[in-house]
Amino acid sequence: MAPKEIDDVCEVQCFDDEKVNRLKPYAAESAGVAKIFKALADDTRAKIIHILSLDEELCVHDISSIIGSSIANTSHHLRLLHNMGLTKYRKEGKMVFYSLDDDHVRHLIAAGVEHAKEQK
């Protein structure tokens, strides 16, 4: 059995020098973008980011209740998001309140939620 031919690949090796040279520097601009999307690719973290994008700040217990996850799991994801620089927290006595630390992420999650609604 012969392998299936792939039609979506150029059959000759050639490229447009002008376009390559003009656009190549832009490739470096995407450094760090995958990290943000990796954080958002997890359903629990996406829920947390979305909820935090709608309110100023929430405590760990409230976030846990809203997303329907355990406090331990919620805390784990909040810690990861904080380490990625996407959330910040403040401590008030024995309470810890989280909020978004990056407005760009607020826009990304809003666009993602809007897109998901359109797909239904």
PDB file of N, CA and C in Angstrom:
ATOM      1  N   MET A   1       0.841  -1.170   0.000  1.00  0.00           N
ATOM      2  CA  MET A   1       0.000   0.000   0.000  1.00  0.00           C
ATOM      3  C   MET A   1       0.896   1.246   0.000  1.00  0.00           C
ATOM      4  N   ALA A   2       0.715   2.093  -0.979  1.00  0.00           N
ATOM      5  CA  ALA A   2       1.527   3.304  -1.109  1.00  0.00           C
ATOM      6  C   ALA A   2       1.062   4.347  -0.099  1.00  0.00           C
ATOM      7  N   PRO A   3       2.027   5.130   0.434  1.00  0.00           N
ATOM      8  CA  PRO A   3       1.627   6.178   1.378  1.00  0.00           C
ATOM      9  C   PRO A   3       0.743   7.220   0.684  1.00  0.00           C
ATOM     10  N   LYS A   4      -0.176   7.761   1.441  1.00  0.00           N
ATOM     11  CA  LYS A   4      -1.089   8.781   0.941  1.00  0.00           C
ATOM     12  C   LYS A   4      -0.304  10.051   0.597  1.00  0.00           C
ATOM     13  N   GLU A   5      -0.601  10.631  -0.565  1.00  0.00           N
ATOM     14  CA  GLU A   5       0.078  11.870  -0.956  1.00  0.00           C
ATOM     15  C   GLU A   5      -0.457  13.035  -0.142  1.00  0.00           C
ATOM     16  N   ILE A   6       0.422  13.933   0.202  1.00  0.00           N
ATOM     17  CA  ILE A   6       0.036  15.129   0.944  1.00  0.00           C
ATOM     18  C   ILE A   6      -0.054  16.279  -0.038  1.00  0.00           C
ATOM     19  N   ASP A   7      -1.237  16.883  -0.145  1.00  0.00           N
ATOM     20  CA  ASP A   7      -1.463  17.958  -1.110  1.00  0.00           C
ATOM     21  C   ASP A   7      -1.229  19.352  -0.533  1.00  0.00           C
ATOM     22  N   ASP A   8      -1.056  19.462   0.766  1.00  0.00           N
ATOM     23  CA  ASP A   8      -0.961  20.782   1.386  1.00  0.00           C
ATOM     24  C   ASP A   8       0.474  21.234   1.626  1.00  0.00           C
ATOM     25  N   VAL A   9       1.408  20.674   0.860  1.00  0.00           N
ATOM     26  CA  VAL A   9       2.823  21.022   1.001  1.00  0.00           C
ATOM     27  C   VAL A   9       3.363  21.403  -0.369  1.00  0.00           C
ATOM     28  N   CYS A  10       4.213  22.432  -0.415  1.00  0.00           N
ATOM     29  CA  CYS A  10       4.831  22.823  -1.682  1.00  0.00           C
ATOM     30  C   CYS A  10       5.601  21.646  -2.270  1.00  0.00           C
ATOM     31  N   GLU A  11       5.550  21.544  -3.568  1.00  0.00           N
ATOM     32  CA  GLU A  11       6.267  20.462  -4.244  1.00  0.00           C
ATOM     33  C   GLU A  11       7.678  20.867  -4.645  1.00  0.00           C
ATOM     34  N   VAL A  12       7.981  22.147  -4.541  1.00  0.00           N
ATOM     35  CA  VAL A  12       9.324  22.641  -4.862  1.00  0.00           C
ATOM     36  C   VAL A  12       9.834  23.466  -3.701  1.00  0.00           C
ATOM     37  N   GLN A  13      11.136  23.502  -3.546  1.00  0.00           N
ATOM     38  CA  GLN A  13      11.729  24.311  -2.489  1.00  0.00           C
ATOM     39  C   GLN A  13      12.101  25.672  -3.054  1.00  0.00           C
ATOM     40  N   CYS A  14      11.277  26.631  -2.784  1.00  0.00           N
ATOM     41  CA  CYS A  14      11.557  28.008  -3.175  1.00  0.00           C
ATOM     42  C   CYS A  14      10.877  28.898  -2.154  1.00  0.00           C
ATOM     43  N   PHE A  15      11.336  30.093  -2.030  1.00  0.00           N
ATOM     44  CA  PHE A  15      10.684  31.027  -1.134  1.00  0.00           C
ATOM     45  C   PHE A  15      10.936  32.433  -1.616  1.00  0.00           C
ATOM     46  N   ASP A  16      10.119  33.333  -1.128  1.00  0.00           N
ATOM     47  CA  ASP A  16      10.178  34.735  -1.514  1.00  0.00           C
ATOM     48  C   ASP A  16      11.124  35.448  -0.552  1.00  0.00           C
ATOM     49  N   ASP A  17      12.348  35.709  -1.012  1.00  0.00           N
ATOM     50  CA  ASP A  17      13.367  36.343  -0.165  1.00  0.00           C
ATOM     51  C   ASP A  17      12.867  37.623   0.496  1.00  0.00           C
ATOM     52  N   GLU A  18      12.167  38.450  -0.268  1.00  0.00           N
ATOM     53  CA  GLU A  18      11.710  39.733   0.266  1.00  0.00           C
ATOM     54  C   GLU A  18      10.742  39.512   1.437  1.00  0.00           C
ATOM     55  N   LYS A  19       9.778  38.635   1.257  1.00  0.00           N
ATOM     56  CA  LYS A  19       8.805  38.370   2.321  1.00  0.00           C
ATOM     57  C   LYS A  19       9.467  37.731   3.531  1.00  0.00           C
ATOM     58  N   VAL A  20      10.326  36.772   3.296  1.00  0.00           N
ATOM     59  CA  VAL A  20      11.002  36.090   4.398  1.00  0.00           C
ATOM     60  C   VAL A  20      11.812  37.085   5.219  1.00  0.00           C
ATOM     61  N   ASN A  21      12.612  37.902   4.547  1.00  0.00           N
ATOM     62  CA  ASN A  21      13.462  38.873   5.251  1.00  0.00           C
ATOM     63  C   ASN A  21      12.636  39.942   5.976  1.00  0.00           C
ATOM     64  N   ARG A  22      11.520  40.332   5.386  1.00  0.00           N
ATOM     65  CA  ARG A  22      10.672  41.364   5.993  1.00  0.00           C
ATOM     66  C   ARG A  22       9.920  40.811   7.210  1.00  0.00           C
ATOM     67  N   LEU A  23       9.468  39.573   7.148  1.00  0.00           N
ATOM     68  CA  LEU A  23       8.619  39.024   8.204  1.00  0.00           C
ATOM     69  C   LEU A  23       9.366  38.248   9.280  1.00  0.00           C
ATOM     70  N   LYS A  24      10.570  37.827   8.990  1.00  0.00           N
ATOM     71  CA  LYS A  24      11.334  37.006   9.937  1.00  0.00           C
ATOM     72  C   LYS A  24      11.484  37.654  11.317  1.00  0.00           C
ATOM     73  N   PRO A  25      11.776  38.954  11.414  1.00  0.00           N
ATOM     74  CA  PRO A  25      11.918  39.567  12.743  1.00  0.00           C
ATOM     75  C   PRO A  25      10.646  39.474  13.596  1.00  0.00           C
ATOM     76  N   TYR A  26       9.483  39.381  12.966  1.00  0.00           N
ATOM     77  CA  TYR A  26       8.230  39.298  13.710  1.00  0.00           C
ATOM     78  C   TYR A  26       8.075  37.963  14.438  1.00  0.00           C
ATOM     79  N   ALA A  27       8.728  36.935  13.964  1.00  0.00           N
ATOM     80  CA  ALA A  27       8.623  35.622  14.601  1.00  0.00           C
ATOM     81  C   ALA A  27       9.097  35.682  16.054  1.00  0.00           C
ATOM     82  N   ALA A  28      10.115  36.470  16.320  1.00  0.00           N
ATOM     83  CA  ALA A  28      10.650  36.590  17.681  1.00  0.00           C
ATOM     84  C   ALA A  28       9.666  37.283  18.617  1.00  0.00           C
ATOM     85  N   GLU A  29       8.751  38.083  18.071  1.00  0.00           N
ATOM     86  CA  GLU A  29       7.781  38.790  18.909  1.00  0.00           C
ATOM     87  C   GLU A  29       6.836  37.835  19.630  1.00  0.00           C
ATOM     88  N   SER A  30       6.694  36.631  19.125  1.00  0.00           N
ATOM     89  CA  SER A  30       5.753  35.689  19.733  1.00  0.00           C
ATOM     90  C   SER A  30       6.348  34.941  20.926  1.00  0.00           C
ATOM     91  N   ALA A  31       7.590  35.248  21.272  1.00  0.00           N
ATOM     92  CA  ALA A  31       8.206  34.600  22.437  1.00  0.00           C
ATOM     93  C   ALA A  31       7.371  34.889  23.677  1.00  0.00           C
ATOM     94  N   GLY A  32       7.025  33.865  24.408  1.00  0.00           N
ATOM     95  CA  GLY A  32       6.236  34.009  25.621  1.00  0.00           C
ATOM     96  C   GLY A  32       4.737  33.874  25.415  1.00  0.00           C
ATOM     97  N   VAL A  33       4.292  33.944  24.174  1.00  0.00           N
ATOM     98  CA  VAL A  33       2.859  33.832  23.902  1.00  0.00           C
ATOM     99  C   VAL A  33       2.350  32.434  24.227  1.00  0.00           C
ATOM    100  N   ALA A  34       3.109  31.424  23.879  1.00  0.00           N
ATOM    101  CA  ALA A  34       2.684  30.042  24.124  1.00  0.00           C
ATOM    102  C   ALA A  34       2.469  29.799  25.618  1.00  0.00           C
ATOM    103  N   LYS A  35       3.285  30.435  26.448  1.00  0.00           N
ATOM    104  CA  LYS A  35       3.158  30.276  27.903  1.00  0.00           C
ATOM    105  C   LYS A  35       1.785  30.752  28.381  1.00  0.00           C
ATOM    106  N   ILE A  36       1.330  31.863  27.841  1.00  0.00           N
ATOM    107  CA  ILE A  36       0.022  32.398  28.220  1.00  0.00           C
ATOM    108  C   ILE A  36      -1.085  31.453  27.764  1.00  0.00           C
ATOM    109  N   PHE A  37      -0.985  31.000  26.517  1.00  0.00           N
ATOM    110  CA  PHE A  37      -2.021  30.106  26.009  1.00  0.00           C
ATOM    111  C   PHE A  37      -1.973  28.741  26.692  1.00  0.00           C
ATOM    112  N   LYS A  38      -0.803  28.324  27.109  1.00  0.00           N
ATOM    113  CA  LYS A  38      -0.690  27.074  27.862  1.00  0.00           C
ATOM    114  C   LYS A  38      -1.436  27.215  29.194  1.00  0.00           C
ATOM    115  N   ALA A  39      -1.300  28.364  29.829  1.00  0.00           N
ATOM    116  CA  ALA A  39      -2.009  28.608  31.085  1.00  0.00           C
ATOM    117  C   ALA A  39      -3.516  28.586  30.862  1.00  0.00           C
ATOM    118  N   LEU A  40      -3.957  29.151  29.760  1.00  0.00           N
ATOM    119  CA  LEU A  40      -5.381  29.216  29.463  1.00  0.00           C
ATOM    120  C   LEU A  40      -5.919  27.904  28.895  1.00  0.00           C
ATOM    121  N   ALA A  41      -5.039  27.014  28.467  1.00  0.00           N
ATOM    122  CA  ALA A  41      -5.462  25.757  27.846  1.00  0.00           C
ATOM    123  C   ALA A  41      -6.051  24.777  28.855  1.00  0.00           C
ATOM    124  N   ASP A  42      -5.794  24.978  30.122  1.00  0.00           N
ATOM    125  CA  ASP A  42      -6.358  24.124  31.165  1.00  0.00           C
ATOM    126  C   ASP A  42      -7.735  24.668  31.546  1.00  0.00           C
ATOM    127  N   ASP A  43      -8.740  23.798  31.556  1.00  0.00           N
ATOM    128  CA  ASP A  43     -10.110  24.223  31.811  1.00  0.00           C
ATOM    129  C   ASP A  43     -10.266  24.916  33.165  1.00  0.00           C
ATOM    130  N   THR A  44      -9.645  24.377  34.206  1.00  0.00           N
ATOM    131  CA  THR A  44      -9.751  24.982  35.536  1.00  0.00           C
ATOM    132  C   THR A  44      -9.132  26.370  35.546  1.00  0.00           C
ATOM    133  N   ARG A  45      -7.946  26.508  34.960  1.00  0.00           N
ATOM    134  CA  ARG A  45      -7.293  27.826  34.936  1.00  0.00           C
ATOM    135  C   ARG A  45      -8.076  28.813  34.074  1.00  0.00           C
ATOM    136  N   ALA A  46      -8.656  28.341  32.973  1.00  0.00           N
ATOM    137  CA  ALA A  46      -9.465  29.222  32.127  1.00  0.00           C
ATOM    138  C   ALA A  46     -10.682  29.723  32.897  1.00  0.00           C
ATOM    139  N   LYS A  47     -11.313  28.842  33.674  1.00  0.00           N
ATOM    140  CA  LYS A  47     -12.453  29.260  34.495  1.00  0.00           C
ATOM    141  C   LYS A  47     -12.019  30.298  35.520  1.00  0.00           C
ATOM    142  N   ILE A  48     -10.892  30.051  36.168  1.00  0.00           N
ATOM    143  CA  ILE A  48     -10.391  30.994  37.185  1.00  0.00           C
ATOM    144  C   ILE A  48     -10.117  32.352  36.559  1.00  0.00           C
ATOM    145  N   ILE A  49      -9.413  32.368  35.448  1.00  0.00           N
ATOM    146  CA  ILE A  49      -9.100  33.638  34.775  1.00  0.00           C
ATOM    147  C   ILE A  49     -10.388  34.342  34.360  1.00  0.00           C
ATOM    148  N   HIS A  50     -11.330  33.589  33.830  1.00  0.00           N
ATOM    149  CA  HIS A  50     -12.591  34.196  33.402  1.00  0.00           C
ATOM    150  C   HIS A  50     -13.328  34.815  34.591  1.00  0.00           C
ATOM    151  N   ILE A  51     -13.441  34.080  35.672  1.00  0.00           N
ATOM    152  CA  ILE A  51     -14.136  34.591  36.861  1.00  0.00           C
ATOM    153  C   ILE A  51     -13.419  35.827  37.405  1.00  0.00           C
ATOM    154  N   LEU A  52     -12.092  35.774  37.479  1.00  0.00           N
ATOM    155  CA  LEU A  52     -11.346  36.931  37.988  1.00  0.00           C
ATOM    156  C   LEU A  52     -11.453  38.131  37.041  1.00  0.00           C
ATOM    157  N   SER A  53     -11.688  37.876  35.773  1.00  0.00           N
ATOM    158  CA  SER A  53     -11.801  38.989  34.825  1.00  0.00           C
ATOM    159  C   SER A  53     -13.130  39.727  34.975  1.00  0.00           C
ATOM    160  N   LEU A  54     -14.091  39.121  35.688  1.00  0.00           N
ATOM    161  CA  LEU A  54     -15.410  39.724  35.857  1.00  0.00           C
ATOM    162  C   LEU A  54     -15.559  40.498  37.162  1.00  0.00           C
ATOM    163  N   ASP A  55     -14.645  40.269  38.105  1.00  0.00           N
ATOM    164  CA  ASP A  55     -14.751  40.888  39.432  1.00  0.00           C
ATOM    165  C   ASP A  55     -13.376  41.428  39.811  1.00  0.00           C
ATOM    166  N   GLU A  56     -13.318  42.298  40.782  1.00  0.00           N
ATOM    167  CA  GLU A  56     -12.035  42.868  41.183  1.00  0.00           C
ATOM    168  C   GLU A  56     -11.121  41.843  41.837  1.00  0.00           C
ATOM    169  N   GLU A  57     -11.632  41.158  42.831  1.00  0.00           N
ATOM    170  CA  GLU A  57     -10.839  40.137  43.508  1.00  0.00           C
ATOM    171  C   GLU A  57     -11.750  39.173  44.243  1.00  0.00           C
ATOM    172  N   LEU A  58     -11.250  37.960  44.406  1.00  0.00           N
ATOM    173  CA  LEU A  58     -12.011  36.917  45.085  1.00  0.00           C
ATOM    174  C   LEU A  58     -11.073  36.108  45.956  1.00  0.00           C
ATOM    175  N   CYS A  59     -11.608  35.595  47.068  1.00  0.00           N
ATOM    176  CA  CYS A  59     -10.799  34.729  47.910  1.00  0.00           C
ATOM    177  C   CYS A  59     -10.793  33.314  47.327  1.00  0.00           C
ATOM    178  N   VAL A  60      -9.847  32.523  47.769  1.00  0.00           N
ATOM    179  CA  VAL A  60      -9.666  31.168  47.256  1.00  0.00           C
ATOM    180  C   VAL A  60     -10.942  30.346  47.433  1.00  0.00           C
ATOM    181  N   HIS A  61     -11.590  30.473  48.584  1.00  0.00           N
ATOM    182  CA  HIS A  61     -12.808  29.700  48.851  1.00  0.00           C
ATOM    183  C   HIS A  61     -13.939  30.079  47.899  1.00  0.00           C
ATOM    184  N   ASP A  62     -14.085  31.370  47.638  1.00  0.00           N
ATOM    185  CA  ASP A  62     -15.128  31.813  46.701  1.00  0.00           C
ATOM    186  C   ASP A  62     -14.841  31.288  45.296  1.00  0.00           C
ATOM    187  N   ILE A  63     -13.597  31.400  44.854  1.00  0.00           N
ATOM    188  CA  ILE A  63     -13.230  30.896  43.525  1.00  0.00           C
ATOM    189  C   ILE A  63     -13.521  29.404  43.439  1.00  0.00           C
ATOM    190  N   SER A  64     -13.134  28.674  44.467  1.00  0.00           N
ATOM    191  CA  SER A  64     -13.360  27.231  44.518  1.00  0.00           C
ATOM    192  C   SER A  64     -14.846  26.900  44.390  1.00  0.00           C
ATOM    193  N   SER A  65     -15.683  27.621  45.112  1.00  0.00           N
ATOM    194  CA  SER A  65     -17.131  27.402  45.054  1.00  0.00           C
ATOM    195  C   SER A  65     -17.697  27.742  43.687  1.00  0.00           C
ATOM    196  N   ILE A  66     -17.239  28.830  43.102  1.00  0.00           N
ATOM    197  CA  ILE A  66     -17.748  29.278  41.805  1.00  0.00           C
ATOM    198  C   ILE A  66     -17.423  28.275  40.709  1.00  0.00           C
ATOM    199  N   ILE A  67     -16.196  27.767  40.686  1.00  0.00           N
ATOM    200  CA  ILE A  67     -15.789  26.874  39.594  1.00  0.00           C
ATOM    201  C   ILE A  67     -16.073  25.404  39.890  1.00  0.00           C
ATOM    202  N   GLY A  68     -16.511  25.094  41.119  1.00  0.00           N
ATOM    203  CA  GLY A  68     -16.845  23.723  41.465  1.00  0.00           C
ATOM    204  C   GLY A  68     -15.634  22.814  41.584  1.00  0.00           C
ATOM    205  N   SER A  69     -14.601  23.327  42.207  1.00  0.00           N
ATOM    206  CA  SER A  69     -13.360  22.561  42.385  1.00  0.00           C
ATOM    207  C   SER A  69     -12.983  22.565  43.861  1.00  0.00           C
ATOM    208  N   SER A  70     -12.114  21.644  44.236  1.00  0.00           N
ATOM    209  CA  SER A  70     -11.674  21.613  45.630  1.00  0.00           C
ATOM    210  C   SER A  70     -10.790  22.830  45.921  1.00  0.00           C
ATOM    211  N   ILE A  71     -10.701  23.166  47.186  1.00  0.00           N
ATOM    212  CA  ILE A  71      -9.850  24.291  47.594  1.00  0.00           C
ATOM    213  C   ILE A  71      -8.399  23.987  47.268  1.00  0.00           C
ATOM    214  N   ALA A  72      -7.968  22.753  47.488  1.00  0.00           N
ATOM    215  CA  ALA A  72      -6.578  22.371  47.195  1.00  0.00           C
ATOM    216  C   ALA A  72      -6.275  22.515  45.703  1.00  0.00           C
ATOM    217  N   ASN A  73      -7.191  22.037  44.857  1.00  0.00           N
ATOM    218  CA  ASN A  73      -6.983  22.127  43.410  1.00  0.00           C
ATOM    219  C   ASN A  73      -7.002  23.585  42.948  1.00  0.00           C
ATOM    220  N   THR A  74      -7.942  24.343  43.475  1.00  0.00           N
ATOM    221  CA  THR A  74      -8.032  25.766  43.131  1.00  0.00           C
ATOM    222  C   THR A  74      -6.763  26.495  43.549  1.00  0.00           C
ATOM    223  N   SER A  75      -6.282  26.245  44.755  1.00  0.00           N
ATOM    224  CA  SER A  75      -5.055  26.875  45.250  1.00  0.00           C
ATOM    225  C   SER A  75      -3.867  26.527  44.368  1.00  0.00           C
ATOM    226  N   HIS A  76      -3.799  25.262  43.950  1.00  0.00           N
ATOM    227  CA  HIS A  76      -2.710  24.810  43.078  1.00  0.00           C
ATOM    228  C   HIS A  76      -2.710  25.615  41.778  1.00  0.00           C
ATOM    229  N   HIS A  77      -3.876  25.748  41.153  1.00  0.00           N
ATOM    230  CA  HIS A  77      -3.963  26.478  39.886  1.00  0.00           C
ATOM    231  C   HIS A  77      -3.714  27.978  40.077  1.00  0.00           C
ATOM    232  N   LEU A  78      -4.196  28.525  41.179  1.00  0.00           N
ATOM    233  CA  LEU A  78      -3.935  29.938  41.457  1.00  0.00           C
ATOM    234  C   LEU A  78      -2.439  30.196  41.641  1.00  0.00           C
ATOM    235  N   ARG A  79      -1.760  29.267  42.284  1.00  0.00           N
ATOM    236  CA  ARG A  79      -0.311  29.392  42.477  1.00  0.00           C
ATOM    237  C   ARG A  79       0.408  29.379  41.119  1.00  0.00           C
ATOM    238  N   LEU A  80      -0.011  28.468  40.238  1.00  0.00           N
ATOM    239  CA  LEU A  80       0.589  28.409  38.900  1.00  0.00           C
ATOM    240  C   LEU A  80       0.342  29.711  38.134  1.00  0.00           C
ATOM    241  N   LEU A  81      -0.875  30.200  38.203  1.00  0.00           N
ATOM    242  CA  LEU A  81      -1.202  31.455  37.506  1.00  0.00           C
ATOM    243  C   LEU A  81      -0.411  32.620  38.078  1.00  0.00           C
ATOM    244  N   HIS A  82      -0.226  32.627  39.380  1.00  0.00           N
ATOM    245  CA  HIS A  82       0.577  33.685  40.018  1.00  0.00           C
ATOM    246  C   HIS A  82       2.033  33.589  39.570  1.00  0.00           C
ATOM    247  N   ASN A  83       2.579  32.374  39.555  1.00  0.00           N
ATOM    248  CA  ASN A  83       3.971  32.180  39.128  1.00  0.00           C
ATOM    249  C   ASN A  83       4.185  32.562  37.667  1.00  0.00           C
ATOM    250  N   MET A  84       3.130  32.495  36.876  1.00  0.00           N
ATOM    251  CA  MET A  84       3.208  32.884  35.464  1.00  0.00           C
ATOM    252  C   MET A  84       3.013  34.391  35.293  1.00  0.00           C
ATOM    253  N   GLY A  85       2.715  35.084  36.386  1.00  0.00           N
ATOM    254  CA  GLY A  85       2.536  36.531  36.330  1.00  0.00           C
ATOM    255  C   GLY A  85       1.160  36.960  35.847  1.00  0.00           C
ATOM    256  N   LEU A  86       0.191  36.049  35.878  1.00  0.00           N
ATOM    257  CA  LEU A  86      -1.143  36.377  35.379  1.00  0.00           C
ATOM    258  C   LEU A  86      -2.095  36.826  36.478  1.00  0.00           C
ATOM    259  N   THR A  87      -1.820  36.416  37.718  1.00  0.00           N
ATOM    260  CA  THR A  87      -2.652  36.846  38.838  1.00  0.00           C
ATOM    261  C   THR A  87      -1.771  37.436  39.929  1.00  0.00           C
ATOM    262  N   LYS A  88      -2.404  38.181  40.793  1.00  0.00           N
ATOM    263  CA  LYS A  88      -1.726  38.703  41.982  1.00  0.00           C
ATOM    264  C   LYS A  88      -2.633  38.426  43.166  1.00  0.00           C
ATOM    265  N   TYR A  89      -2.075  38.528  44.352  1.00  0.00           N
ATOM    266  CA  TYR A  89      -2.895  38.323  45.538  1.00  0.00           C
ATOM    267  C   TYR A  89      -2.495  39.298  46.622  1.00  0.00           C
ATOM    268  N   ARG A  90      -3.411  39.466  47.520  1.00  0.00           N
ATOM    269  CA  ARG A  90      -3.139  40.261  48.708  1.00  0.00           C
ATOM    270  C   ARG A  90      -3.710  39.495  49.892  1.00  0.00           C
ATOM    271  N   LYS A  91      -3.024  39.618  51.002  1.00  0.00           N
ATOM    272  CA  LYS A  91      -3.434  38.926  52.211  1.00  0.00           C
ATOM    273  C   LYS A  91      -4.062  39.930  53.161  1.00  0.00           C
ATOM    274  N   GLU A  92      -5.193  39.557  53.702  1.00  0.00           N
ATOM    275  CA  GLU A  92      -5.896  40.389  54.681  1.00  0.00           C
ATOM    276  C   GLU A  92      -6.211  39.487  55.869  1.00  0.00           C
ATOM    277  N   GLY A  93      -5.390  39.574  56.894  1.00  0.00           N
ATOM    278  CA  GLY A  93      -5.531  38.666  58.032  1.00  0.00           C
ATOM    279  C   GLY A  93      -5.246  37.244  57.582  1.00  0.00           C
ATOM    280  N   LYS A  94      -6.223  36.380  57.736  1.00  0.00           N
ATOM    281  CA  LYS A  94      -6.062  34.979  57.319  1.00  0.00           C
ATOM    282  C   LYS A  94      -6.637  34.721  55.934  1.00  0.00           C
ATOM    283  N   MET A  95      -7.145  35.769  55.299  1.00  0.00           N
ATOM    284  CA  MET A  95      -7.762  35.643  53.979  1.00  0.00           C
ATOM    285  C   MET A  95      -6.764  36.020  52.894  1.00  0.00           C
ATOM    286  N   VAL A  96      -6.858  35.332  51.764  1.00  0.00           N
ATOM    287  CA  VAL A  96      -6.040  35.642  50.589  1.00  0.00           C
ATOM    288  C   VAL A  96      -6.992  35.940  49.440  1.00  0.00           C
ATOM    289  N   PHE A  97      -6.837  37.110  48.846  1.00  0.00           N
ATOM    290  CA  PHE A  97      -7.692  37.553  47.749  1.00  0.00           C
ATOM    291  C   PHE A  97      -6.874  37.625  46.463  1.00  0.00           C
ATOM    292  N   TYR A  98      -7.398  37.020  45.397  1.00  0.00           N
ATOM    293  CA  TYR A  98      -6.730  37.003  44.100  1.00  0.00           C
ATOM    294  C   TYR A  98      -7.437  37.930  43.126  1.00  0.00           C
ATOM    295  N   SER A  99      -6.638  38.473  42.202  1.00  0.00           N
ATOM    296  CA  SER A  99      -7.172  39.271  41.097  1.00  0.00           C
ATOM    297  C   SER A  99      -6.227  39.106  39.912  1.00  0.00           C
ATOM    298  N   LEU A 100      -6.686  39.552  38.751  1.00  0.00           N
ATOM    299  CA  LEU A 100      -5.817  39.478  37.570  1.00  0.00           C
ATOM    300  C   LEU A 100      -4.695  40.487  37.698  1.00  0.00           C
ATOM    301  N   ASP A 101      -3.545  40.136  37.179  1.00  0.00           N
ATOM    302  CA  ASP A 101      -2.395  41.032  37.212  1.00  0.00           C
ATOM    303  C   ASP A 101      -2.016  41.490  35.807  1.00  0.00           C
ATOM    304  N   ASP A 102      -2.854  41.155  34.832  1.00  0.00           N
ATOM    305  CA  ASP A 102      -2.525  41.466  33.444  1.00  0.00           C
ATOM    306  C   ASP A 102      -3.807  41.720  32.666  1.00  0.00           C
ATOM    307  N   ASP A 103      -4.027  42.950  32.269  1.00  0.00           N
ATOM    308  CA  ASP A 103      -5.245  43.310  31.533  1.00  0.00           C
ATOM    309  C   ASP A 103      -5.308  42.646  30.158  1.00  0.00           C
ATOM    310  N   HIS A 104      -4.165  42.340  29.591  1.00  0.00           N
ATOM    311  CA  HIS A 104      -4.162  41.663  28.289  1.00  0.00           C
ATOM    312  C   HIS A 104      -4.858  40.308  28.388  1.00  0.00           C
ATOM    313  N   VAL A 105      -4.652  39.615  29.499  1.00  0.00           N
ATOM    314  CA  VAL A 105      -5.265  38.305  29.702  1.00  0.00           C
ATOM    315  C   VAL A 105      -6.781  38.460  29.808  1.00  0.00           C
ATOM    316  N   ARG A 106      -7.220  39.543  30.418  1.00  0.00           N
ATOM    317  CA  ARG A 106      -8.666  39.828  30.500  1.00  0.00           C
ATOM    318  C   ARG A 106      -9.254  39.893  29.085  1.00  0.00           C
ATOM    319  N   HIS A 107      -8.554  40.555  28.176  1.00  0.00           N
ATOM    320  CA  HIS A 107      -9.028  40.672  26.797  1.00  0.00           C
ATOM    321  C   HIS A 107      -8.974  39.331  26.066  1.00  0.00           C
ATOM    322  N   LEU A 108      -7.922  38.555  26.315  1.00  0.00           N
ATOM    323  CA  LEU A 108      -7.797  37.241  25.680  1.00  0.00           C
ATOM    324  C   LEU A 108      -8.935  36.315  26.099  1.00  0.00           C
ATOM    325  N   ILE A 109      -9.216  36.267  27.396  1.00  0.00           N
ATOM    326  CA  ILE A 109     -10.260  35.368  27.883  1.00  0.00           C
ATOM    327  C   ILE A 109     -11.629  35.844  27.403  1.00  0.00           C
ATOM    328  N   ALA A 110     -11.843  37.144  27.348  1.00  0.00           N
ATOM    329  CA  ALA A 110     -13.120  37.673  26.849  1.00  0.00           C
ATOM    330  C   ALA A 110     -13.318  37.280  25.391  1.00  0.00           C
ATOM    331  N   ALA A 111     -12.254  37.403  24.600  1.00  0.00           N
ATOM    332  CA  ALA A 111     -12.337  37.009  23.182  1.00  0.00           C
ATOM    333  C   ALA A 111     -12.589  35.512  23.060  1.00  0.00           C
ATOM    334  N   GLY A 112     -11.919  34.723  23.895  1.00  0.00           N
ATOM    335  CA  GLY A 112     -12.109  33.276  23.865  1.00  0.00           C
ATOM    336  C   GLY A 112     -13.519  32.875  24.249  1.00  0.00           C
ATOM    337  N   VAL A 113     -14.059  33.500  25.277  1.00  0.00           N
ATOM    338  CA  VAL A 113     -15.424  33.194  25.721  1.00  0.00           C
ATOM    339  C   VAL A 113     -16.421  33.584  24.639  1.00  0.00           C
ATOM    340  N   GLU A 114     -16.216  34.758  24.045  1.00  0.00           N
ATOM    341  CA  GLU A 114     -17.109  35.213  22.967  1.00  0.00           C
ATOM    342  C   GLU A 114     -17.054  34.241  21.785  1.00  0.00           C
ATOM    343  N   HIS A 115     -15.869  33.816  21.425  1.00  0.00           N
ATOM    344  CA  HIS A 115     -15.706  32.878  20.315  1.00  0.00           C
ATOM    345  C   HIS A 115     -16.398  31.549  20.629  1.00  0.00           C
ATOM    346  N   ALA A 116     -16.230  31.060  21.853  1.00  0.00           N
ATOM    347  CA  ALA A 116     -16.858  29.786  22.254  1.00  0.00           C
ATOM    348  C   ALA A 116     -18.379  29.882  22.191  1.00  0.00           C
ATOM    349  N   LYS A 117     -18.938  31.023  22.565  1.00  0.00           N
ATOM    350  CA  LYS A 117     -20.390  31.225  22.496  1.00  0.00           C
ATOM    351  C   LYS A 117     -20.876  31.163  21.054  1.00  0.00           C
ATOM    352  N   GLU A 118     -20.097  31.718  20.133  1.00  0.00           N
ATOM    353  CA  GLU A 118     -20.461  31.715  18.716  1.00  0.00           C
ATOM    354  C   GLU A 118     -20.414  30.318  18.117  1.00  0.00           C
ATOM    355  N   GLN A 119     -19.607  29.430  18.696  1.00  0.00           N
ATOM    356  CA  GLN A 119     -19.453  28.077  18.170  1.00  0.00           C
ATOM    357  C   GLN A 119     -20.603  27.160  18.579  1.00  0.00           C
ATOM    358  N   LYS A 120     -21.408  27.581  19.542  1.00  0.00           N
ATOM    359  CA  LYS A 120     -22.518  26.725  20.031  1.00  0.00           C
ATOM    360  C   LYS A 120     -23.670  26.704  19.078  1.00  0.00           C
TER     361      LYS A 120
END
